[in-house]
Amino acid sequence: MGGVIGQAVVLGFGMLVHEASVLLVILKRYAAAELPGRFEVDRRSLIKNIA
């Protein structure tokens, strides 16, 4: 793929990835608001596992 078509595909893919990441952030915020207790526990256990 070359030229304009290739650029359009790359641009479209980049926009899709951006949309997906925005949706993920929104979902994470929603989940954090819905389940604050469980989210905190998960985060603490993750930090313990990493440290």
Protein backbone atom coordinates (compact mmCIF):
# COMPACT_ATOMS: atom_id res chain seq x y z
CA MET A 1 0.00 0.00 0.00
CA GLY A 2 1.39 3.35 -0.94
CA GLY A 3 0.57 7.02 -1.09
CA VAL A 4 -2.80 8.37 -0.12
CA ILE A 5 -4.47 5.01 0.55
CA GLY A 6 -1.72 3.95 2.94
CA GLN A 7 -1.89 7.27 4.77
CA ALA A 8 -5.68 7.04 5.05
CA VAL A 9 -5.44 3.51 6.50
CA VAL A 10 -2.81 4.58 9.04
CA LEU A 11 -4.85 7.65 9.99
CA GLY A 12 -8.04 5.61 10.36
CA PHE A 13 -6.26 2.99 12.45
CA GLY A 14 -4.73 5.70 14.66
CA MET A 15 -8.16 7.25 15.22
CA LEU A 16 -9.64 3.84 16.10
CA VAL A 17 -6.87 3.22 18.65
CA HIS A 18 -7.45 6.69 20.12
CA GLU A 19 -11.21 6.09 20.36
CA ALA A 20 -10.60 2.74 22.07
CA SER A 21 -8.19 4.26 24.60
CA VAL A 22 -10.68 7.04 25.40
CA LEU A 23 -13.41 4.44 25.92
CA LEU A 24 -11.09 2.45 28.20
CA VAL A 25 -10.39 5.52 30.33
CA ILE A 26 -14.12 6.24 30.62
CA LEU A 27 -14.82 2.60 31.54
CA LYS A 28 -12.07 2.63 34.18
CA ARG A 29 -13.47 5.83 35.72
CA TYR A 30 -16.98 4.37 35.70
CA ALA A 31 -15.78 1.15 37.30
CA ALA A 32 -13.84 3.11 39.94
CA ALA A 33 -16.96 5.13 40.75
CA GLU A 34 -19.18 2.05 40.86
CA LEU A 35 -16.88 -0.23 42.87
CA PRO A 36 -14.54 1.96 44.94
CA GLY A 37 -13.89 -0.68 47.58
CA ARG A 38 -13.02 -3.48 45.19
CA PHE A 39 -10.99 -1.15 42.99
CA GLU A 40 -8.89 -0.03 45.97
CA VAL A 41 -8.25 -3.62 47.03
CA ASP A 42 -7.25 -4.59 43.49
CA ARG A 43 -4.90 -1.63 43.26
CA ARG A 44 -3.28 -2.41 46.62
CA SER A 45 -2.76 -6.06 45.71
CA LEU A 46 -1.30 -5.01 42.35
CA ILE A 47 1.14 -2.64 44.05
CA LYS A 48 2.13 -5.38 46.53
CA ASN A 49 2.73 -7.84 43.69
CA ILE A 50 4.89 -5.34 41.80
CA ALA A 51 6.88 -4.15 44.85
